[in-house]
Amino acid sequence: MVEHGLPGRWLGRDHLRSHSHFHWSPIPFTVSSQPDHFLQFLKLASLLTDFVDKFRRAAQMLSIVARPKLRPIVEHTGHNSPSINSWKLDSLTLKFQLKGALPYSPELMEPQPGLLRYILQQPYSREMVCTVIDIQKKQKQRCIVLEEQLVELMVSALEDCSRTESSNTSNVNSTSDGSLPVPVDHNPCSCAHLSSLLIYFVLFQLISFPSLVLRLHAKLKGKTSHQGRDHLMWVLLQFLSGSIQKNQFSDFLPVLRLIEVLYPEQESLPVPDYTDPQCAMQMSAMCILMHILKKAQADSIKTPRSLPTVFKNHHEFLQNLALNPQLPLITPGVPPDYRIALLLNAYSTNQEYFQRPILTLSESIQGSQKSTVPMPGINCVAHGSTSPLSITLLDSLTVHVKMSLVHNISQHIQKQAQHKSGIALAPALIETYARLLVYTEIESIGIKNFINSLLPVVYKSHVWSILHALLEMFIHRIHHSPPQYRIQLLSTIHHMTAVPLNTMTQMTQLHLWYLHLSCLKTF
């Protein structure tokens, strides 16, 4: 029997069409085993199917052809255009935001994690990621799907980073005639980009660092191969070294569990070759343990376990390096030495051992007050340091160390401007500063400080030679700047152009207006 059933008489196709203006509401019903009732149900199903099929063409007209297979062009200024609506995903399910209850194709109704991972992989994608999944950074709302896809991206990047490491086992080519080795092209791993994403999303509380590490632990604990583990530790070290002093000790306990899974060896690992830039990654797990031990000591927390045997040699090497009164310096023309990078990375949260090497590194590019070098122009000289810090060395430093280095450089330039020094800045200082401004993970103290603090100080001091050098340097770095900083730069330049032109050199005026036009072209 029909319990909630069909009407007493069968509503035929013509009858339904003649009453199509009625508002029909669904009525639950069950069909008995009687043949005539079952046939009526089949007719109703066929009628409803035909009714739905009439809207498939409308759904097709509103659909983008092969939409799940398309990928956007990711750039700084592309996330505010109306075309971004085609890529927007639901922040809970990662499904396309489709309008209307239309019979869209099944592939359009499925989650699109591949699209989000593709955008995450691209440089300068952080703002676009927030726009695509429709989350507001100011609300500081945790996004689970973003956390999950970032974990998937990290796990898949381990193998890629491992291949990069094997193909670049050395950054120098030996020569048969006994001359100095020629450095090969430096190919940084994608882990540098992952570090930038991790820092950005955790700082805006869009993902949880302890939860992310626990997800990594769950995915990696069952694997027998641990290739790329050093690269993963390097990614985690970037965030941990700069945030461990501001957060609770318990937030970093999952990292200890992850290290136990990835480094199960019972024998101590050998000390890596410190003339190879990869040594920074190979020692990153030990550096993490050094920061955690320092945090436990500062918070008077007794660590539950002793240092793993696998890191015994690494620990002794770093301790001997910290107690050595002679710091290993970077000398031009000799084989590279990355021991100072290892020392800085391991002790960046320990001021007792950190201040001496970071000041030594800063002074090596600032130049001495007594030695100068001639520069192009009439009676133009600069401080004597001409060899900037190499990109491989800067890549070997953690984010925390880079922030300290760029802060020291900015403070030095401000002092030179306030003292109205007639000697130009050292070429090594300018070039190193320009290279540091490219790193997106330190843009808050890099580009932001350059625009909001350094340029106004130099401008107020009317030291046009320093202003000219800074403007010329930044012209070639403007495409690395996010849109919000370009707007701030336009405002700063607008105030600078109010100064009477006869007080500036013609070259400074030229660079000022060229930088102004360059900012406008990027919008």
Protein backbone atom coordinates (compact mmCIF):
# COMPACT_ATOMS: atom_id res chain seq x y z
CA MET A 1 0.00 0.00 0.00
CA VAL A 2 1.05 3.59 -0.56
CA GLU A 3 1.49 5.11 2.87
CA HIS A 4 2.04 8.81 2.12
CA GLY A 5 1.33 8.37 -1.26
CA LEU A 6 0.52 9.12 -4.68
CA PRO A 7 -2.83 10.81 -5.30
CA GLY A 8 -5.93 8.69 -5.67
CA ARG A 9 -5.68 8.96 -9.43
CA TRP A 10 -2.52 9.06 -11.53
CA LEU A 11 -1.38 12.52 -12.53
CA GLY A 12 -0.51 12.16 -16.15
CA ARG A 13 2.08 14.12 -18.12
CA ASP A 14 -0.51 16.48 -19.62
CA HIS A 15 -2.12 17.11 -16.26
CA LEU A 16 1.26 17.96 -14.71
CA ARG A 17 2.10 20.35 -17.52
CA SER A 18 -1.26 22.11 -17.21
CA HIS A 19 -0.57 22.73 -13.50
CA SER A 20 3.08 23.70 -13.87
CA HIS A 21 2.38 27.06 -12.25
CA PHE A 22 1.67 25.38 -8.91
CA HIS A 23 4.32 25.32 -6.19
CA TRP A 24 5.02 21.65 -5.65
CA SER A 25 6.49 20.46 -2.37
CA PRO A 26 8.13 17.06 -1.93
CA ILE A 27 5.99 14.41 -0.21
CA PRO A 28 7.72 11.30 1.15
CA PHE A 29 6.15 8.08 -0.04
CA THR A 30 6.83 4.39 -0.19
CA VAL A 31 5.90 2.09 -3.02
CA SER A 32 4.20 -1.21 -2.34
CA SER A 33 5.03 -4.40 -4.16
CA GLN A 34 1.93 -4.16 -6.33
CA PRO A 35 2.90 -4.02 -10.02
CA ASP A 36 0.65 -1.10 -10.95
CA HIS A 37 2.05 1.10 -8.20
CA PHE A 38 5.61 0.28 -9.23
CA LEU A 39 4.86 1.18 -12.84
CA GLN A 40 3.41 4.48 -11.71
CA PHE A 41 6.63 5.18 -9.81
CA LEU A 42 8.72 4.46 -12.92
CA LYS A 43 6.58 6.83 -14.95
CA LEU A 44 7.02 9.53 -12.31
CA ALA A 45 10.78 8.99 -12.28
CA SER A 46 10.91 9.26 -16.06
CA LEU A 47 8.85 12.44 -15.95
CA LEU A 48 11.11 14.05 -13.35
CA THR A 49 14.21 13.01 -15.30
CA ASP A 50 12.89 14.66 -18.44
CA PHE A 51 12.07 17.76 -16.42
CA VAL A 52 15.63 17.99 -15.04
CA ASP A 53 17.20 17.31 -18.44
CA LYS A 54 15.58 20.43 -19.81
CA PHE A 55 17.92 22.50 -17.62
CA ARG A 56 21.16 20.79 -18.66
CA ARG A 57 21.66 23.13 -21.60
CA ALA A 58 21.17 26.12 -19.31
CA ALA A 59 23.72 24.66 -16.88
CA GLN A 60 26.11 24.09 -19.78
CA MET A 61 25.72 27.70 -20.89
CA LEU A 62 26.66 28.86 -17.38
CA SER A 63 29.64 26.49 -17.15
CA ILE A 64 33.22 27.11 -18.28
CA VAL A 65 34.43 24.42 -20.66
CA ALA A 66 36.97 22.07 -18.99
CA ARG A 67 36.94 24.27 -15.90
CA PRO A 68 38.48 21.68 -13.51
CA LYS A 69 41.48 21.32 -15.83
CA LEU A 70 42.19 25.04 -16.24
CA ARG A 71 44.77 26.84 -14.12
CA PRO A 72 45.09 30.59 -13.42
CA ILE A 73 48.05 32.89 -13.96
CA VAL A 74 49.25 33.80 -10.48
CA GLU A 75 50.77 37.22 -9.90
CA HIS A 76 50.83 40.02 -7.35
CA THR A 77 48.17 42.15 -9.02
CA GLY A 78 45.92 39.44 -10.45
CA HIS A 79 43.83 38.54 -7.42
CA ASN A 80 41.61 41.65 -7.41
CA SER A 81 40.33 41.40 -10.98
CA PRO A 82 36.75 40.18 -11.65
CA SER A 83 38.13 37.08 -13.38
CA ILE A 84 39.10 35.68 -9.98
CA ASN A 85 35.46 34.66 -9.48
CA SER A 86 36.02 31.78 -11.92
CA TRP A 87 38.55 30.24 -9.52
CA LYS A 88 36.82 30.74 -6.18
CA LEU A 89 36.36 27.64 -4.03
CA ASP A 90 34.33 26.91 -0.94
CA SER A 91 36.56 27.24 2.13
CA LEU A 92 35.13 24.05 3.68
CA THR A 93 34.79 21.66 0.74
CA LEU A 94 37.08 23.14 -1.96
CA LYS A 95 34.22 22.90 -4.45
CA PHE A 96 33.49 25.52 -7.09
CA GLN A 97 31.00 28.16 -6.01
CA LEU A 98 28.22 27.34 -8.48
CA LYS A 99 25.05 29.41 -8.61
CA GLY A 100 21.61 27.87 -8.72
CA ALA A 101 20.38 24.29 -8.28
CA LEU A 102 21.12 23.32 -11.87
CA PRO A 103 22.22 19.91 -13.21
CA TYR A 104 25.91 20.77 -13.62
CA SER A 105 28.33 18.12 -14.84
CA PRO A 106 29.61 15.81 -12.06
CA GLU A 107 33.23 16.99 -12.41
CA LEU A 108 32.16 20.55 -11.54
CA MET A 109 30.55 19.31 -8.34
CA GLU A 110 33.69 17.57 -7.06
CA PRO A 111 36.32 19.12 -4.71
CA GLN A 112 39.27 20.79 -6.44
CA PRO A 113 42.31 20.25 -4.19
CA GLY A 114 44.59 20.16 -7.23
CA LEU A 115 43.67 23.74 -8.11
CA LEU A 116 44.52 25.00 -4.63
CA ARG A 117 47.82 23.10 -4.58
CA TYR A 118 48.73 24.53 -7.99
CA ILE A 119 48.16 28.08 -6.76
CA LEU A 120 50.12 27.38 -3.58
CA GLN A 121 53.09 26.21 -5.64
CA GLN A 122 53.37 29.48 -7.55
CA PRO A 123 55.54 32.38 -6.36
CA TYR A 124 53.71 35.39 -4.91
CA SER A 125 50.53 33.32 -4.49
CA ARG A 126 49.70 34.08 -0.85
CA GLU A 127 47.17 36.85 -1.49
CA MET A 128 45.52 34.92 -4.30
CA VAL A 129 45.15 31.83 -2.10
CA CYS A 130 43.19 33.86 0.46
CA THR A 131 40.98 35.29 -2.29
CA VAL A 132 40.33 31.94 -3.99
CA ILE A 133 39.15 30.19 -0.82
CA ASP A 134 37.38 33.38 0.29
CA ILE A 135 38.94 33.89 3.72
CA GLN A 136 39.70 37.19 5.40
CA LYS A 137 43.14 37.53 6.97
CA LYS A 138 41.93 40.10 9.49
CA GLN A 139 39.37 37.68 10.89
CA LYS A 140 42.15 35.18 11.72
CA GLN A 141 39.92 32.22 10.96
CA ARG A 142 41.57 28.82 10.77
CA CYS A 143 41.09 27.04 7.43
CA ILE A 144 41.36 23.26 7.72
CA VAL A 145 41.47 22.58 3.97
CA LEU A 146 44.34 25.04 3.54
CA GLU A 147 46.25 23.27 6.29
CA GLU A 148 45.60 19.86 4.70
CA GLN A 149 46.72 20.94 1.23
CA LEU A 150 49.85 22.61 2.58
CA VAL A 151 50.74 19.32 4.28
CA GLU A 152 50.15 17.44 1.01
CA LEU A 153 52.37 19.94 -0.77
CA MET A 154 55.16 19.50 1.79
CA VAL A 155 55.05 15.72 1.58
CA SER A 156 55.11 15.73 -2.22
CA ALA A 157 57.96 18.27 -2.21
CA LEU A 158 60.22 16.00 -0.16
CA GLU A 159 61.03 13.77 -3.12
CA ASP A 160 61.54 16.75 -5.43
CA CYS A 161 63.92 18.39 -2.96
CA SER A 162 65.79 15.12 -2.56
CA ARG A 163 66.36 14.96 -6.33
CA THR A 164 67.56 18.57 -6.29
CA GLU A 165 70.01 17.74 -3.54
CA SER A 166 71.43 14.74 -5.40
CA SER A 167 71.86 16.72 -8.62
CA ASN A 168 73.62 19.55 -6.79
CA THR A 169 75.93 17.59 -4.51
CA SER A 170 78.50 20.32 -4.84
CA ASN A 171 78.27 23.97 -5.79
CA VAL A 172 81.77 24.12 -7.28
CA ASN A 173 83.51 22.56 -10.26
CA SER A 174 87.13 21.57 -9.72
CA THR A 175 89.68 22.53 -12.34
CA SER A 176 92.63 20.49 -13.50
CA ASP A 177 95.11 23.39 -13.69
CA GLY A 178 94.99 24.14 -9.96
CA SER A 179 93.08 27.42 -10.36
CA LEU A 180 90.21 28.47 -8.13
CA PRO A 181 86.99 26.49 -8.64
CA VAL A 182 84.20 28.09 -10.60
CA PRO A 183 80.83 28.15 -8.82
CA VAL A 184 77.96 26.46 -10.60
CA ASP A 185 74.48 27.92 -10.92
CA HIS A 186 72.63 27.89 -7.64
CA ASN A 187 69.25 26.19 -7.82
CA PRO A 188 67.39 26.78 -4.55
CA CYS A 189 64.90 24.14 -3.48
CA SER A 190 61.15 24.75 -3.50
CA CYS A 191 61.31 24.43 0.29
CA ALA A 192 62.21 28.13 0.40
CA HIS A 193 58.78 28.92 -1.04
CA LEU A 194 57.09 26.50 1.37
CA SER A 195 58.82 28.26 4.26
CA SER A 196 57.38 31.58 3.12
CA LEU A 197 53.86 30.10 2.89
CA LEU A 198 54.15 28.46 6.31
CA ILE A 199 55.27 31.66 8.03
CA TYR A 200 52.62 33.77 6.32
CA PHE A 201 49.63 31.53 7.02
CA VAL A 202 50.63 30.76 10.62
CA LEU A 203 51.20 34.44 11.45
CA PHE A 204 47.69 35.26 10.22
CA GLN A 205 46.38 32.23 12.17
CA LEU A 206 44.93 30.66 9.04
CA ILE A 207 46.63 27.39 9.96
CA SER A 208 47.88 25.91 13.23
CA PHE A 209 51.56 25.01 13.43
CA PRO A 210 51.16 22.18 16.02
CA SER A 211 48.28 20.70 14.02
CA LEU A 212 50.28 20.90 10.79
CA VAL A 213 53.23 19.07 12.36
CA LEU A 214 50.90 16.38 13.74
CA ARG A 215 49.46 15.86 10.25
CA LEU A 216 52.98 15.52 8.87
CA HIS A 217 53.78 13.01 11.60
CA ALA A 218 50.70 10.94 10.74
CA LYS A 219 51.60 10.84 7.04
CA LEU A 220 55.30 10.07 7.44
CA LYS A 221 55.40 7.67 10.39
CA GLY A 222 54.54 4.65 8.26
CA LYS A 223 57.11 5.28 5.54
CA THR A 224 60.35 3.32 5.45
CA SER A 225 62.19 5.83 3.27
CA HIS A 226 63.05 9.20 4.76
CA GLN A 227 64.40 10.96 1.69
CA GLY A 228 64.13 14.72 1.86
CA ARG A 229 63.82 14.78 5.66
CA ASP A 230 66.51 17.47 5.95
CA HIS A 231 64.54 19.71 3.62
CA LEU A 232 61.40 19.31 5.73
CA MET A 233 63.37 20.17 8.87
CA TRP A 234 64.71 23.23 7.07
CA VAL A 235 61.15 24.40 6.33
CA LEU A 236 60.08 23.96 9.95
CA LEU A 237 63.25 25.64 11.24
CA GLN A 238 62.40 28.85 9.36
CA PHE A 239 59.22 29.35 11.37
CA LEU A 240 60.40 27.82 14.63
CA SER A 241 63.56 29.90 15.04
CA GLY A 242 61.68 33.18 14.72
CA SER A 243 58.59 32.30 16.77
CA ILE A 244 59.66 29.96 19.55
CA GLN A 245 60.43 32.83 21.92
CA LYS A 246 56.91 34.26 21.52
CA ASN A 247 54.90 31.03 21.82
CA GLN A 248 54.37 28.31 24.38
CA PHE A 249 56.83 25.45 24.69
CA SER A 250 54.03 22.90 24.21
CA ASP A 251 53.38 24.19 20.67
CA PHE A 252 56.70 22.72 19.54
CA LEU A 253 56.55 19.32 21.22
CA PRO A 254 55.06 17.69 18.06
CA VAL A 255 58.29 18.62 16.27
CA LEU A 256 60.22 16.35 18.65
CA ARG A 257 57.91 13.45 17.77
CA LEU A 258 58.40 14.13 14.07
CA ILE A 259 62.20 14.15 14.46
CA GLU A 260 62.07 10.77 16.19
CA VAL A 261 60.18 9.32 13.21
CA LEU A 262 62.41 10.83 10.52
CA TYR A 263 65.74 10.10 12.23
CA PRO A 264 65.47 6.54 13.60
CA GLU A 265 69.20 5.74 13.27
CA GLN A 266 70.98 4.44 16.35
CA GLU A 267 74.39 5.64 15.15
CA SER A 268 75.50 9.25 15.10
CA LEU A 269 75.30 11.07 11.77
CA PRO A 270 78.59 12.40 10.36
CA VAL A 271 79.28 16.12 10.36
CA PRO A 272 78.48 17.45 6.86
CA ASP A 273 80.99 19.20 4.63
CA TYR A 274 80.83 22.85 5.67
CA THR A 275 82.11 24.01 2.26
CA ASP A 276 78.84 22.79 0.72
CA PRO A 277 75.78 25.08 1.14
CA GLN A 278 73.63 21.97 1.67
CA CYS A 279 75.22 21.60 5.11
CA ALA A 280 72.72 24.15 6.46
CA MET A 281 69.83 21.81 5.62
CA GLN A 282 71.69 18.74 6.84
CA MET A 283 72.17 20.40 10.24
CA SER A 284 68.66 21.90 10.45
CA ALA A 285 67.24 19.14 12.70
CA MET A 286 70.04 19.74 15.21
CA CYS A 287 69.40 23.49 15.05
CA ILE A 288 65.72 22.86 15.87
CA LEU A 289 66.73 20.84 18.92
CA MET A 290 69.08 23.63 20.02
CA HIS A 291 66.25 26.18 19.91
CA ILE A 292 63.85 23.87 21.76
CA LEU A 293 66.44 23.16 24.46
CA LYS A 294 67.06 26.90 24.85
CA LYS A 295 63.30 27.52 25.14
CA ALA A 296 62.98 24.82 27.80
CA GLN A 297 65.87 26.36 29.73
CA ALA A 298 64.35 29.86 29.53
CA ASP A 299 60.94 28.60 30.74
CA SER A 300 62.49 26.38 33.44
CA ILE A 301 61.02 23.27 31.84
CA LYS A 302 62.73 19.95 32.33
CA THR A 303 63.06 18.18 29.00
CA PRO A 304 61.55 14.68 29.11
CA ARG A 305 64.30 13.02 27.09
CA SER A 306 68.00 13.36 26.43
CA LEU A 307 69.49 14.42 23.12
CA PRO A 308 69.15 11.61 20.53
CA THR A 309 72.35 9.71 19.80
CA VAL A 310 71.93 10.33 16.08
CA PHE A 311 72.79 14.03 16.61
CA LYS A 312 75.77 13.58 18.93
CA ASN A 313 78.41 14.60 16.36
CA HIS A 314 76.33 17.55 15.17
CA HIS A 315 75.89 18.83 18.72
CA GLU A 316 79.59 18.59 19.54
CA PHE A 317 80.50 20.37 16.30
CA LEU A 318 78.19 23.32 17.04
CA GLN A 319 79.38 23.61 20.63
CA ASN A 320 83.03 23.69 19.56
CA LEU A 321 82.16 26.27 16.93
CA ALA A 322 80.42 28.52 19.47
CA LEU A 323 83.33 28.36 21.92
CA ASN A 324 85.98 28.99 19.27
CA PRO A 325 87.36 32.54 19.78
CA GLN A 326 88.18 32.83 16.06
CA LEU A 327 85.13 33.09 13.86
CA PRO A 328 85.21 31.48 10.39
CA LEU A 329 84.95 34.37 7.93
CA ILE A 330 83.80 34.53 4.33
CA THR A 331 86.87 35.55 2.35
CA PRO A 332 86.60 36.38 -1.38
CA GLY A 333 88.73 34.25 -3.67
CA VAL A 334 88.94 31.21 -1.39
CA PRO A 335 86.69 28.13 -1.17
CA PRO A 336 83.39 28.94 0.58
CA ASP A 337 82.96 28.31 4.28
CA TYR A 338 79.45 28.06 5.73
CA ARG A 339 80.37 27.46 9.37
CA ILE A 340 79.29 30.98 10.31
CA ALA A 341 75.85 30.22 8.81
CA LEU A 342 75.61 27.06 10.92
CA LEU A 343 76.59 29.01 14.02
CA LEU A 344 74.02 31.73 13.38
CA ASN A 345 71.22 29.27 12.57
CA ALA A 346 71.79 27.24 15.74
CA TYR A 347 72.15 30.14 18.20
CA SER A 348 69.87 32.87 16.80
CA THR A 349 67.75 32.65 19.98
CA ASN A 350 70.80 32.64 22.26
CA GLN A 351 72.19 36.16 22.47
CA GLU A 352 75.30 34.96 24.28
CA TYR A 353 76.59 33.25 21.14
CA PHE A 354 74.63 35.13 18.47
CA GLN A 355 75.73 38.76 18.74
CA ARG A 356 79.39 38.25 17.89
CA PRO A 357 78.91 36.38 14.56
CA ILE A 358 76.00 38.55 13.35
CA LEU A 359 77.97 41.74 14.00
CA THR A 360 80.99 40.26 12.26
CA LEU A 361 78.88 39.38 9.24
CA SER A 362 77.34 42.87 9.15
CA GLU A 363 80.69 44.65 9.48
CA SER A 364 82.19 42.60 6.66
CA ILE A 365 79.92 44.38 4.15
CA GLN A 366 79.78 47.82 5.78
CA GLY A 367 83.43 48.59 5.14
CA SER A 368 85.96 50.38 7.28
CA GLN A 369 85.87 54.13 7.88
CA LYS A 370 89.56 54.32 7.00
CA SER A 371 89.58 52.49 3.66
CA THR A 372 87.71 53.82 0.62
CA VAL A 373 87.40 52.91 -3.05
CA PRO A 374 86.90 55.32 -5.98
CA MET A 375 83.45 55.40 -7.59
CA PRO A 376 82.25 56.80 -10.94
CA GLY A 377 81.83 60.57 -10.76
CA ILE A 378 83.81 63.58 -9.62
CA ASN A 379 85.51 63.18 -6.23
CA CYS A 380 83.22 60.28 -5.39
CA VAL A 381 84.46 57.60 -3.01
CA ALA A 382 82.73 54.83 -1.07
CA HIS A 383 83.55 52.67 1.89
CA GLY A 384 86.00 49.96 0.95
CA SER A 385 83.95 46.76 1.09
CA THR A 386 83.18 45.62 -2.47
CA SER A 387 82.32 41.90 -2.09
CA PRO A 388 78.66 41.32 -1.15
CA LEU A 389 77.41 38.26 0.67
CA SER A 390 76.73 35.55 -1.87
CA ILE A 391 73.23 34.34 -2.62
CA THR A 392 74.19 30.82 -1.56
CA LEU A 393 75.24 32.15 1.85
CA LEU A 394 72.03 34.16 2.24
CA ASP A 395 70.00 31.09 1.26
CA SER A 396 71.85 29.16 3.97
CA LEU A 397 70.64 31.54 6.69
CA THR A 398 67.33 31.09 8.49
CA VAL A 399 64.60 33.71 8.31
CA HIS A 400 65.41 34.82 11.86
CA VAL A 401 69.05 35.46 10.94
CA LYS A 402 68.09 37.28 7.72
CA MET A 403 65.80 39.58 9.71
CA SER A 404 68.62 40.43 12.11
CA LEU A 405 71.00 41.07 9.22
CA VAL A 406 68.62 43.32 7.27
CA HIS A 407 67.83 45.21 10.49
CA ASN A 408 71.53 45.88 11.08
CA ILE A 409 71.95 47.10 7.50
CA SER A 410 68.96 49.44 7.78
CA GLN A 411 70.23 50.88 11.07
CA HIS A 412 73.68 51.46 9.58
CA ILE A 413 72.25 53.34 6.58
CA GLN A 414 70.08 55.52 8.82
CA LYS A 415 73.10 56.45 10.95
CA GLN A 416 75.10 57.34 7.85
CA ALA A 417 72.24 59.56 6.64
CA GLN A 418 71.78 61.30 10.00
CA HIS A 419 75.53 62.02 10.24
CA LYS A 420 75.41 63.38 6.65
CA SER A 421 78.46 61.37 5.70
CA GLY A 422 80.20 62.49 2.53
CA ILE A 423 81.41 58.96 1.80
CA ALA A 424 79.06 56.79 -0.22
CA LEU A 425 77.74 53.51 1.11
CA ALA A 426 79.87 50.45 0.50
CA PRO A 427 79.00 48.63 -2.76
CA ALA A 428 78.90 45.34 -0.84
CA LEU A 429 76.33 46.78 1.56
CA ILE A 430 74.01 48.03 -1.19
CA GLU A 431 74.16 44.79 -3.18
CA THR A 432 73.61 42.60 -0.12
CA TYR A 433 70.67 44.78 0.95
CA ALA A 434 69.17 44.50 -2.53
CA ARG A 435 69.45 40.71 -2.42
CA LEU A 436 67.81 40.52 1.00
CA LEU A 437 64.81 42.57 -0.14
CA VAL A 438 63.85 39.79 -2.57
CA TYR A 439 63.03 37.29 0.22
CA THR A 440 59.26 37.39 0.68
CA GLU A 441 59.40 35.78 4.12
CA ILE A 442 61.11 38.87 5.60
CA GLU A 443 59.19 41.54 3.69
CA SER A 444 57.69 42.98 6.90
CA ILE A 445 61.14 44.07 8.06
CA GLY A 446 62.61 44.27 4.56
CA ILE A 447 60.49 46.11 2.00
CA LYS A 448 58.04 47.52 4.55
CA ASN A 449 60.82 49.00 6.69
CA PHE A 450 62.58 50.28 3.56
CA ILE A 451 59.49 52.24 2.43
CA ASN A 452 58.04 53.38 5.75
CA SER A 453 61.20 54.03 7.75
CA LEU A 454 64.45 54.11 5.81
CA LEU A 455 63.43 56.29 2.84
CA PRO A 456 61.76 58.99 5.01
CA VAL A 457 64.82 59.19 7.30
CA VAL A 458 67.21 59.60 4.35
CA TYR A 459 64.84 62.12 2.75
CA LYS A 460 64.62 64.26 5.90
CA SER A 461 68.41 64.26 6.19
CA HIS A 462 68.71 65.55 2.58
CA VAL A 463 71.57 63.16 1.86
CA TRP A 464 70.78 62.84 -1.83
CA SER A 465 73.71 60.54 -2.62
CA ILE A 466 72.32 57.84 -0.30
CA LEU A 467 68.76 58.44 -1.53
CA HIS A 468 69.98 58.12 -5.12
CA ALA A 469 71.68 54.79 -4.32
CA LEU A 470 68.59 53.41 -2.57
CA LEU A 471 66.24 54.45 -5.38
CA GLU A 472 68.48 52.96 -8.05
CA MET A 473 68.68 49.73 -6.06
CA PHE A 474 64.92 49.46 -5.55
CA ILE A 475 64.02 50.14 -9.18
CA HIS A 476 65.29 46.67 -10.07
CA ARG A 477 63.43 45.03 -7.16
CA ILE A 478 60.01 46.64 -7.49
CA HIS A 479 58.47 43.64 -9.29
CA HIS A 480 59.09 41.60 -6.12
CA SER A 481 56.99 43.98 -4.01
CA PRO A 482 53.35 43.19 -3.15
CA PRO A 483 50.73 45.74 -4.31
CA GLN A 484 50.13 47.23 -0.85
CA TYR A 485 53.79 48.19 -0.56
CA ARG A 486 53.80 49.75 -4.02
CA ILE A 487 50.91 51.97 -2.97
CA GLN A 488 52.83 53.02 0.14
CA LEU A 489 55.87 53.70 -2.03
CA LEU A 490 53.81 55.94 -4.33
CA SER A 491 52.66 57.94 -1.31
CA THR A 492 56.23 58.29 -0.05
CA ILE A 493 57.50 59.39 -3.48
CA HIS A 494 54.65 61.90 -3.75
CA HIS A 495 55.85 63.62 -0.58
CA MET A 496 59.45 63.54 -1.80
CA THR A 497 58.61 65.28 -5.07
CA ALA A 498 57.29 68.26 -3.09
CA VAL A 499 60.91 69.19 -2.31
CA PRO A 500 62.28 72.01 -4.53
CA LEU A 501 64.05 70.38 -7.46
CA ASN A 502 67.10 72.63 -7.16
CA THR A 503 68.00 70.89 -3.90
CA MET A 504 68.35 67.48 -5.61
CA THR A 505 70.84 66.29 -8.16
CA GLN A 506 69.53 65.66 -11.64
CA MET A 507 70.30 61.94 -11.34
CA THR A 508 68.28 61.66 -8.12
CA GLN A 509 65.34 63.46 -9.76
CA LEU A 510 65.54 61.08 -12.72
CA HIS A 511 65.49 57.97 -10.52
CA LEU A 512 62.68 59.39 -8.40
CA TRP A 513 60.39 59.95 -11.37
CA TYR A 514 61.42 56.68 -13.01
CA LEU A 515 60.53 54.80 -9.83
CA HIS A 516 57.21 56.67 -9.75
CA LEU A 517 56.41 55.56 -13.31
CA SER A 518 57.53 52.00 -12.57
CA CYS A 519 55.06 51.80 -9.68
CA LEU A 520 52.23 53.07 -11.86
CA LYS A 521 52.98 50.55 -14.62
CA THR A 522 52.56 47.64 -12.20
CA PHE A 523 48.89 48.42 -11.50
